[in-house]
C-alpha atoms as a PDB file:
ATOM      1  CA  LEU A   1     108.233  99.600  79.892  1.00  0.00           C
ATOM      2  CA  VAL A   2     107.237  95.928  80.036  1.00  0.00           C
ATOM      3  CA  ALA A   3     109.780  93.201  79.219  1.00  0.00           C
ATOM      4  CA  PHE A   4     110.248  89.468  79.739  1.00  0.00           C
ATOM      5  CA  ASP A   5     113.084  88.331  81.935  1.00  0.00           C
ATOM      6  CA  ARG A   6     112.510  84.559  82.151  1.00  0.00           C
ATOM      7  CA  VAL A   7     109.995  82.072  80.721  1.00  0.00           C
ATOM      8  CA  THR A   8     109.511  78.362  81.551  1.00  0.00           C
ATOM      9  CA  ARG A   9     106.655  75.908  80.937  1.00  0.00           C
ATOM     10  CA  ASP A  10     104.921  76.843  84.171  1.00  0.00           C
ATOM     11  CA  SER A  11     106.164  80.323  84.922  1.00  0.00           C
ATOM     12  CA  PHE A  12     107.491  83.600  83.601  1.00  0.00           C
ATOM     13  CA  THR A  13     108.945  86.826  84.940  1.00  0.00           C
ATOM     14  CA  LEU A  14     108.088  90.309  83.730  1.00  0.00           C
ATOM     15  CA  LYS A  15     109.905  93.525  84.467  1.00  0.00           C
ATOM     16  CA  VAL A  16     107.590  96.524  84.622  1.00  0.00           C
ATOM     17  CA  VAL A  17     108.453 100.187  85.070  1.00  0.00           C
ATOM     18  CA  ALA A  18     105.455 102.480  85.560  1.00  0.00           C
ATOM     19  CA  ARG A  19     105.508 106.175  84.779  1.00  0.00           C
ATOM     20  CA  GLU A  20     103.437 107.016  87.844  1.00  0.00           C
ATOM     21  CA  LEU A  21     105.069 107.792  91.200  1.00  0.00           C
ATOM     22  CA  ARG A  22     102.383 105.779  93.017  1.00  0.00           C
ATOM     23  CA  GLY A  23      99.611 103.524  91.927  1.00  0.00           C
ATOM     24  CA  ARG A  24      98.081 100.064  91.840  1.00  0.00           C
ATOM     25  CA  LEU A  25      98.986  97.319  89.385  1.00  0.00           C
ATOM     26  CA  TRP A  26      97.091  94.447  87.754  1.00  0.00           C
ATOM     27  CA  VAL A  27      98.906  92.025  85.416  1.00  0.00           C
ATOM     28  CA  TYR A  28      97.928  88.731  83.835  1.00  0.00           C
ATOM     29  CA  ALA A  29      98.226  86.634  80.707  1.00  0.00           C
ATOM     30  CA  MET A  30      95.437  85.383  78.460  1.00  0.00           C
ATOM     31  CA  ASP A  31      95.505  82.565  75.913  1.00  0.00           C
ATOM     32  CA  THR A  32      95.304  84.232  72.491  1.00  0.00           C
ATOM     33  CA  LYS A  33      92.644  81.690  71.432  1.00  0.00           C
ATOM     34  CA  GLU A  34      90.492  82.992  74.304  1.00  0.00           C
ATOM     35  CA  LEU A  35      91.333  86.529  73.273  1.00  0.00           C
ATOM     36  CA  GLU A  36      90.256  85.903  69.661  1.00  0.00           C
ATOM     37  CA  ALA A  37      86.987  84.310  70.831  1.00  0.00           C
ATOM     38  CA  ARG A  38      86.022  87.288  72.993  1.00  0.00           C
ATOM     39  CA  ALA A  39      83.300  89.478  71.541  1.00  0.00           C
ATOM     40  CA  GLU A  40      84.484  92.462  73.584  1.00  0.00           C
ATOM     41  CA  GLU A  41      87.892  94.056  73.663  1.00  0.00           C
ATOM     42  CA  VAL A  42      90.181  93.859  76.657  1.00  0.00           C
ATOM     43  CA  THR A  43      89.512  96.933  78.799  1.00  0.00           C
ATOM     44  CA  PRO A  44      90.790  98.042  82.212  1.00  0.00           C
ATOM     45  CA  ALA A  45      87.557  96.744  83.787  1.00  0.00           C
ATOM     46  CA  VAL A  46      88.134  93.300  82.189  1.00  0.00           C
ATOM     47  CA  ILE A  47      91.678  93.246  83.607  1.00  0.00           C
ATOM     48  CA  ILE A  48      90.505  94.245  87.106  1.00  0.00           C
ATOM     49  CA  ARG A  49      87.889  91.460  87.057  1.00  0.00           C
ATOM     50  CA  GLY A  50      90.514  88.954  85.835  1.00  0.00           C
ATOM     51  CA  GLU A  51      88.355  87.710  82.977  1.00  0.00           C
ATOM     52  CA  GLY A  52      90.121  85.102  80.843  1.00  0.00           C
ATOM     53  CA  ALA A  53      93.278  85.004  82.984  1.00  0.00           C
ATOM     54  CA  ILE A  54      95.316  81.792  82.741  1.00  0.00           C
ATOM     55  CA  GLY A  55      96.669  79.785  85.664  1.00  0.00           C
ATOM     56  CA  GLY A  56      96.021  79.980  89.356  1.00  0.00           C
ATOM     57  CA  PRO A  57      96.414  82.799  91.867  1.00  0.00           C
ATOM     58  CA  GLY A  58     100.213  82.789  91.486  1.00  0.00           C
ATOM     59  CA  CYS A  59      99.919  83.580  87.783  1.00  0.00           C
ATOM     60  CA  LYS A  60      98.459  87.086  88.154  1.00  0.00           C
ATOM     61  CA  TYR A  61      99.032  90.265  90.097  1.00  0.00           C
ATOM     62  CA  VAL A  62      95.906  91.929  91.467  1.00  0.00           C
ATOM     63  CA  ASP A  63      95.734  95.384  93.049  1.00  0.00           C
ATOM     64  CA  ILE A  64      99.422  95.537  93.990  1.00  0.00           C
ATOM     65  CA  PRO A  65     100.842  98.862  95.257  1.00  0.00           C
ATOM     66  CA  ILE A  66     103.716 100.117  93.087  1.00  0.00           C
ATOM     67  CA  ASN A  67     105.873 103.150  92.466  1.00  0.00           C
ATOM     68  CA  ASP A  68     108.025 104.234  89.521  1.00  0.00           C
ATOM     69  CA  ASP A  69     110.850 101.820  90.430  1.00  0.00           C
ATOM     70  CA  GLN A  70     111.354  98.689  88.356  1.00  0.00           C
ATOM     71  CA  GLN A  71     108.964  95.937  89.484  1.00  0.00           C
ATOM     72  CA  ILE A  72     110.129  92.339  88.966  1.00  0.00           C
ATOM     73  CA  LEU A  73     107.024  90.166  88.837  1.00  0.00           C
ATOM     74  CA  ASP A  74     107.267  86.361  89.064  1.00  0.00           C
ATOM     75  CA  PHE A  75     104.290  84.423  87.705  1.00  0.00           C
ATOM     76  CA  VAL A  76     104.043  80.751  88.781  1.00  0.00           C
ATOM     77  CA  GLY A  77     101.482  77.982  88.315  1.00  0.00           C
ATOM     78  CA  CYS A  78     100.570  79.272  84.864  1.00  0.00           C
ATOM     79  CA  GLY A  79     100.239  75.913  83.080  1.00  0.00           C
ATOM     80  CA  LEU A  80     101.422  77.180  79.705  1.00  0.00           C
ATOM     81  CA  LEU A  81     100.399  74.710  76.987  1.00  0.00           C
ATOM     82  CA  SER A  82     102.571  73.563  74.080  1.00  0.00           C
ATOM     83  CA  GLY A  83     101.901  75.232  70.759  1.00  0.00           C
ATOM     84  CA  ARG A  84      99.927  78.104  72.319  1.00  0.00           C
ATOM     85  CA  LYS A  85     100.447  81.848  72.503  1.00  0.00           C
ATOM     86  CA  TYR A  86      99.687  84.010  75.530  1.00  0.00           C
ATOM     87  CA  ALA A  87      99.178  87.774  75.528  1.00  0.00           C
ATOM     88  CA  THR A  88     100.173  89.729  78.628  1.00  0.00           C
ATOM     89  CA  PHE A  89      98.295  92.777  79.898  1.00  0.00           C
ATOM     90  CA  VAL A  90      99.367  95.409  82.427  1.00  0.00           C
ATOM     91  CA  PHE A  91      97.011  97.961  83.978  1.00  0.00           C
ATOM     92  CA  VAL A  92      98.207 100.748  86.288  1.00  0.00           C
ATOM     93  CA  CYS A  93      95.720 102.954  88.131  1.00  0.00           C
ATOM     94  CA  VAL A  94      96.829 106.003  90.078  1.00  0.00           C
ATOM     95  CA  GLU A  95      95.499 106.063  93.623  1.00  0.00           C
ATOM     96  CA  GLU A  96      93.698 109.377  93.111  1.00  0.00           C
ATOM     97  CA  ALA A  97      91.548 107.765  90.390  1.00  0.00           C
ATOM     98  CA  MET A  98      90.634 104.930  92.766  1.00  0.00           C
ATOM     99  CA  GLN A  99      88.900 107.339  95.144  1.00  0.00           C
ATOM    100  CA  ALA A 100      85.872 107.510  92.844  1.00  0.00           C
ATOM    101  CA  TRP A 101      83.074 105.197  94.032  1.00  0.00           C
ATOM    102  CA  ASP A 102      82.719 103.459  90.637  1.00  0.00           C
ATOM    103  CA  TRP A 103      86.415 102.975  89.846  1.00  0.00           C
ATOM    104  CA  ARG A 104      86.006  99.187  89.433  1.00  0.00           C
ATOM    105  CA  SER A 105      83.349  99.566  86.734  1.00  0.00           C
ATOM    106  CA  ASP A 106      85.057 102.444  84.930  1.00  0.00           C
ATOM    107  CA  PRO A 107      88.720 102.448  86.013  1.00  0.00           C
ATOM    108  CA  GLN A 108      90.979 105.268  84.878  1.00  0.00           C
ATOM    109  CA  GLY A 109      94.614 104.503  84.261  1.00  0.00           C
ATOM    110  CA  THR A 110      97.015 103.047  81.719  1.00  0.00           C
ATOM    111  CA  LEU A 111      96.417  99.704  80.019  1.00  0.00           C
ATOM    112  CA  VAL A 112      99.334  98.181  78.107  1.00  0.00           C
ATOM    113  CA  ALA A 113      99.272  95.080  75.937  1.00  0.00           C
ATOM    114  CA  GLY A 114     102.620  93.554  76.885  1.00  0.00           C
ATOM    115  CA  PRO A 115     104.724  91.035  74.992  1.00  0.00           C
ATOM    116  CA  VAL A 116     103.344  87.724  73.719  1.00  0.00           C
ATOM    117  CA  ILE A 117     104.642  84.374  75.018  1.00  0.00           C
ATOM    118  CA  GLU A 118     104.904  81.641  72.354  1.00  0.00           C
ATOM    119  CA  VAL A 119     105.208  78.114  73.748  1.00  0.00           C
ATOM    120  CA  PRO A 120     106.881  75.634  71.350  1.00  0.00           C
ATOM    121  CA  ASP A 121     105.200  72.409  70.323  1.00  0.00           C
ATOM    122  CA  VAL A 122     106.221  69.329  72.319  1.00  0.00           C
ATOM    123  CA  GLY A 123     108.745  67.091  70.585  1.00  0.00           C
ATOM    124  CA  ARG A 124     110.293  69.756  68.376  1.00  0.00           C
ATOM    125  CA  ALA A 125     113.861  69.524  69.634  1.00  0.00           C
ATOM    126  CA  GLY A 126     115.968  72.635  69.680  1.00  0.00           C
ATOM    127  CA  ILE A 127     113.089  75.116  69.700  1.00  0.00           C
ATOM    128  CA  GLN A 128     113.495  77.912  72.192  1.00  0.00           C
ATOM    129  CA  TRP A 129     110.912  80.193  73.729  1.00  0.00           C
ATOM    130  CA  ILE A 130     109.939  83.047  71.458  1.00  0.00           C
ATOM    131  CA  CYS A 131     108.940  86.510  72.493  1.00  0.00           C
ATOM    132  CA  LYS A 132     107.269  88.785  69.933  1.00  0.00           C
ATOM    133  CA  GLY A 133     106.552  92.430  70.461  1.00  0.00           C
ATOM    134  CA  PRO A 134     108.264  95.767  70.918  1.00  0.00           C
ATOM    135  CA  SER A 135     109.263  95.054  74.521  1.00  0.00           C
ATOM    136  CA  CYS A 136     111.042  91.727  73.927  1.00  0.00           C
ATOM    137  CA  PRO A 137     114.769  91.424  74.621  1.00  0.00           C
ATOM    138  CA  ASP A 138     117.225  91.909  71.788  1.00  0.00           C
ATOM    139  CA  PRO A 139     119.451  88.948  70.734  1.00  0.00           C
ATOM    140  CA  GLU A 140     121.894  89.772  73.551  1.00  0.00           C
ATOM    141  CA  GLY A 141     119.073  89.589  76.114  1.00  0.00           C
ATOM    142  CA  THR A 142     118.793  93.307  76.841  1.00  0.00           C
ATOM    143  CA  PRO A 143     115.142  94.338  77.315  1.00  0.00           C
ATOM    144  CA  ALA A 144     113.892  96.736  74.668  1.00  0.00           C
ATOM    145  CA  GLY A 145     114.042 100.322  75.804  1.00  0.00           C
ATOM    146  CA  ALA A 146     116.709  99.619  78.445  1.00  0.00           C
ATOM    147  CA  ALA A 147     119.406 102.267  78.650  1.00  0.00           C
ATOM    148  CA  ASP A 148     123.006 101.210  78.096  1.00  0.00           C
END
């Protein structure tokens, strides 16, 4: 489960729940214009290398130990631009798969294309942040897939 909790012009928060009991996590966002221009698809190896990631070091999570508890991830210093869309990607690798010598070139794990952040154009009063995708909150703000 991947869902937005908070989005501002320079930051956002994601809530992630992994199915694995233990593992390592990589998360970042990519400008969809960059994504469209890429000749190759986004793969786990691309995520591990951080190719195309927006923002500075505070706007990505790299090789973070996790478990199957809910992870609340704050991304700061992202520099989200008006009128742009940003795709989020989450990769979880179980520690057993990381024991292989070539795990960085051919990582085994789960790659999820998370929700998309849409930043409104500047000067368009009354426009709110938009989240599109199956893991966006419902109108009451409850993340998709959350149990009542």
